Amino acid sequence: MASNRRPPQRRPAARKRRPGARSGASRIKWDRVGRIALVLVLFAVAFSYLNPAIDLFKTYQATSAAKAEFHELLRENKRLHKAVQSADHPPVVEGEARRQGMVAAGETPFVLHGLN
């Protein structure tokens, strides 16, 4: 009979309970926490794009204003260039000299006082 004898069976050790551990379902809804975290990250990414977008808009406005000023200055440059080119013509030179009070050779100058 000694050969039919079984060794005594071991019982599994009792699990120790951690202090503060709950035995029921968790009260934290992790799917909701995940969604809220995802929305917060989305807002953070959108906020990080806000300042560069504002800078891009300001740069666009400044470029448009600079182009308008450039075209205005270009028109003024053409006008001044024409004035310089026409300054060599004798009628223009004579008109400017008379405006400054000069008289042509052979003319008699007159000075009038009290014509206010």
C-alpha atoms as a PDB file:
ATOM      1  CA  MET A   1       0.000   0.000   0.000  1.00  0.00           C
ATOM      2  CA  ALA A   2       2.858   2.256   0.353  1.00  0.00           C
ATOM      3  CA  SER A   3       3.226   2.476  -3.399  1.00  0.00           C
ATOM      4  CA  ASN A   4      -0.354   3.769  -3.896  1.00  0.00           C
ATOM      5  CA  ARG A   5       0.153   6.605  -1.551  1.00  0.00           C
ATOM      6  CA  ARG A   6      -0.078  10.088  -3.057  1.00  0.00           C
ATOM      7  CA  PRO A   7       1.940  13.035  -1.932  1.00  0.00           C
ATOM      8  CA  PRO A   8      -0.156  15.605  -0.130  1.00  0.00           C
ATOM      9  CA  GLN A   9      -1.563  18.285  -2.469  1.00  0.00           C
ATOM     10  CA  ARG A  10      -0.494  21.839  -1.935  1.00  0.00           C
ATOM     11  CA  ARG A  11      -3.045  24.537  -1.621  1.00  0.00           C
ATOM     12  CA  PRO A  12      -2.379  27.759  -3.493  1.00  0.00           C
ATOM     13  CA  ALA A  13      -1.108  30.524  -1.275  1.00  0.00           C
ATOM     14  CA  ALA A  14      -3.669  33.103  -0.304  1.00  0.00           C
ATOM     15  CA  ARG A  15      -3.191  36.369  -2.160  1.00  0.00           C
ATOM     16  CA  LYS A  16      -2.304  39.270  -0.063  1.00  0.00           C
ATOM     17  CA  ARG A  17      -4.549  42.240  -0.537  1.00  0.00           C
ATOM     18  CA  ARG A  18      -2.852  45.532  -1.143  1.00  0.00           C
ATOM     19  CA  PRO A  19      -3.928  48.296   1.127  1.00  0.00           C
ATOM     20  CA  GLY A  20      -6.390  50.611  -0.627  1.00  0.00           C
ATOM     21  CA  ALA A  21      -7.112  48.188  -3.462  1.00  0.00           C
ATOM     22  CA  ARG A  22     -10.725  47.956  -4.497  1.00  0.00           C
ATOM     23  CA  SER A  23     -12.409  44.763  -5.331  1.00  0.00           C
ATOM     24  CA  GLY A  24     -15.180  46.292  -7.484  1.00  0.00           C
ATOM     25  CA  ALA A  25     -15.107  47.971 -10.885  1.00  0.00           C
ATOM     26  CA  SER A  26     -12.986  51.080 -11.326  1.00  0.00           C
ATOM     27  CA  ARG A  27     -14.785  54.396 -10.936  1.00  0.00           C
ATOM     28  CA  ILE A  28     -12.484  56.070 -13.497  1.00  0.00           C
ATOM     29  CA  LYS A  29     -13.861  55.935 -17.013  1.00  0.00           C
ATOM     30  CA  TRP A  30     -10.661  55.585 -18.978  1.00  0.00           C
ATOM     31  CA  ASP A  31     -12.289  56.039 -22.378  1.00  0.00           C
ATOM     32  CA  ARG A  32     -13.519  59.477 -21.301  1.00  0.00           C
ATOM     33  CA  VAL A  33     -10.116  60.376 -19.864  1.00  0.00           C
ATOM     34  CA  GLY A  34      -8.515  59.380 -23.164  1.00  0.00           C
ATOM     35  CA  ARG A  35     -10.920  61.516 -25.181  1.00  0.00           C
ATOM     36  CA  ILE A  36     -10.372  64.536 -22.935  1.00  0.00           C
ATOM     37  CA  ALA A  37      -6.605  64.128 -23.174  1.00  0.00           C
ATOM     38  CA  LEU A  38      -6.858  63.857 -26.963  1.00  0.00           C
ATOM     39  CA  VAL A  39      -8.948  67.042 -27.165  1.00  0.00           C
ATOM     40  CA  LEU A  40      -6.458  68.891 -24.934  1.00  0.00           C
ATOM     41  CA  VAL A  41      -3.563  67.797 -27.134  1.00  0.00           C
ATOM     42  CA  LEU A  42      -5.524  68.891 -30.214  1.00  0.00           C
ATOM     43  CA  PHE A  43      -6.078  72.348 -28.695  1.00  0.00           C
ATOM     44  CA  ALA A  44      -2.380  72.597 -27.776  1.00  0.00           C
ATOM     45  CA  VAL A  45      -1.346  71.768 -31.348  1.00  0.00           C
ATOM     46  CA  ALA A  46      -3.875  74.249 -32.784  1.00  0.00           C
ATOM     47  CA  PHE A  47      -2.631  76.941 -30.383  1.00  0.00           C
ATOM     48  CA  SER A  48       0.966  76.296 -31.438  1.00  0.00           C
ATOM     49  CA  TYR A  49      -0.053  77.002 -35.071  1.00  0.00           C
ATOM     50  CA  LEU A  50      -1.869  80.221 -34.127  1.00  0.00           C
ATOM     51  CA  ASN A  51       1.155  82.552 -33.761  1.00  0.00           C
ATOM     52  CA  PRO A  52       2.832  81.500 -37.046  1.00  0.00           C
ATOM     53  CA  ALA A  53      -0.494  81.908 -38.861  1.00  0.00           C
ATOM     54  CA  ILE A  54      -0.877  85.442 -37.487  1.00  0.00           C
ATOM     55  CA  ASP A  55       2.715  86.242 -38.517  1.00  0.00           C
ATOM     56  CA  LEU A  56       2.021  84.898 -42.010  1.00  0.00           C
ATOM     57  CA  PHE A  57      -1.058  87.122 -42.328  1.00  0.00           C
ATOM     58  CA  LYS A  58       0.885  90.187 -41.127  1.00  0.00           C
ATOM     59  CA  THR A  59       3.672  89.420 -43.595  1.00  0.00           C
ATOM     60  CA  TYR A  60       1.135  89.147 -46.419  1.00  0.00           C
ATOM     61  CA  GLN A  61      -0.355  92.527 -45.512  1.00  0.00           C
ATOM     62  CA  ALA A  62       3.094  94.140 -45.262  1.00  0.00           C
ATOM     63  CA  THR A  63       4.066  92.694 -48.634  1.00  0.00           C
ATOM     64  CA  SER A  64       0.912  94.057 -50.254  1.00  0.00           C
ATOM     65  CA  ALA A  65       1.563  97.513 -48.779  1.00  0.00           C
ATOM     66  CA  ALA A  66       5.200  97.392 -49.893  1.00  0.00           C
ATOM     67  CA  LYS A  67       4.145  96.459 -53.452  1.00  0.00           C
ATOM     68  CA  ALA A  68       1.705  99.374 -53.573  1.00  0.00           C
ATOM     69  CA  GLU A  69       4.383 101.770 -52.320  1.00  0.00           C
ATOM     70  CA  PHE A  70       6.866 100.354 -54.828  1.00  0.00           C
ATOM     71  CA  HIS A  71       4.509 100.997 -57.755  1.00  0.00           C
ATOM     72  CA  GLU A  72       3.798 104.521 -56.510  1.00  0.00           C
ATOM     73  CA  LEU A  73       7.533 105.248 -56.235  1.00  0.00           C
ATOM     74  CA  LEU A  74       8.095 103.747 -59.678  1.00  0.00           C
ATOM     75  CA  ARG A  75       5.517 106.167 -61.177  1.00  0.00           C
ATOM     76  CA  GLU A  76       7.183 109.084 -59.387  1.00  0.00           C
ATOM     77  CA  ASN A  77      10.592 107.948 -60.675  1.00  0.00           C
ATOM     78  CA  LYS A  78       9.298 107.906 -64.261  1.00  0.00           C
ATOM     79  CA  ARG A  79       7.841 111.392 -63.826  1.00  0.00           C
ATOM     80  CA  LEU A  80      11.106 112.727 -62.392  1.00  0.00           C
ATOM     81  CA  HIS A  81      13.117 111.008 -65.116  1.00  0.00           C
ATOM     82  CA  LYS A  82      10.998 112.714 -67.779  1.00  0.00           C
ATOM     83  CA  ALA A  83      11.509 116.051 -65.987  1.00  0.00           C
ATOM     84  CA  VAL A  84      15.282 115.539 -66.005  1.00  0.00           C
ATOM     85  CA  GLN A  85      15.264 114.568 -69.676  1.00  0.00           C
ATOM     86  CA  SER A  86      13.190 117.627 -70.630  1.00  0.00           C
ATOM     87  CA  ALA A  87      15.309 120.021 -68.503  1.00  0.00           C
ATOM     88  CA  ASP A  88      17.888 120.266 -71.283  1.00  0.00           C
ATOM     89  CA  HIS A  89      15.414 121.735 -73.803  1.00  0.00           C
ATOM     90  CA  PRO A  90      15.831 125.510 -74.361  1.00  0.00           C
ATOM     91  CA  PRO A  91      12.171 126.472 -73.660  1.00  0.00           C
ATOM     92  CA  VAL A  92      12.287 124.687 -70.294  1.00  0.00           C
ATOM     93  CA  VAL A  93      15.606 126.328 -69.365  1.00  0.00           C
ATOM     94  CA  GLU A  94      14.298 129.772 -70.349  1.00  0.00           C
ATOM     95  CA  GLY A  95      11.071 129.318 -68.377  1.00  0.00           C
ATOM     96  CA  GLU A  96      12.974 128.283 -65.260  1.00  0.00           C
ATOM     97  CA  ALA A  97      15.349 131.251 -65.614  1.00  0.00           C
ATOM     98  CA  ARG A  98      12.442 133.703 -65.893  1.00  0.00           C
ATOM     99  CA  ARG A  99      10.785 132.104 -62.847  1.00  0.00           C
ATOM    100  CA  GLN A 100      13.976 132.873 -60.907  1.00  0.00           C
ATOM    101  CA  GLY A 101      13.910 136.514 -62.055  1.00  0.00           C
ATOM    102  CA  MET A 102      16.466 136.462 -64.842  1.00  0.00           C
ATOM    103  CA  VAL A 103      16.091 138.445 -68.065  1.00  0.00           C
ATOM    104  CA  ALA A 104      17.303 137.619 -71.565  1.00  0.00           C
ATOM    105  CA  ALA A 105      20.085 139.537 -73.244  1.00  0.00           C
ATOM    106  CA  GLY A 106      18.832 142.805 -74.756  1.00  0.00           C
ATOM    107  CA  GLU A 107      15.719 143.033 -72.544  1.00  0.00           C
ATOM    108  CA  THR A 108      15.161 145.930 -70.134  1.00  0.00           C
ATOM    109  CA  PRO A 109      14.359 144.783 -66.602  1.00  0.00           C
ATOM    110  CA  PHE A 110      11.636 146.589 -64.611  1.00  0.00           C
ATOM    111  CA  VAL A 111      11.205 146.483 -60.843  1.00  0.00           C
ATOM    112  CA  LEU A 112       7.767 147.337 -59.506  1.00  0.00           C
ATOM    113  CA  HIS A 113       7.208 148.149 -55.827  1.00  0.00           C
ATOM    114  CA  GLY A 114       3.988 148.237 -53.821  1.00  0.00           C
ATOM    115  CA  LEU A 115       1.869 145.781 -55.827  1.00  0.00           C
ATOM    116  CA  ASN A 116       0.405 143.880 -52.943  1.00  0.00           C
END
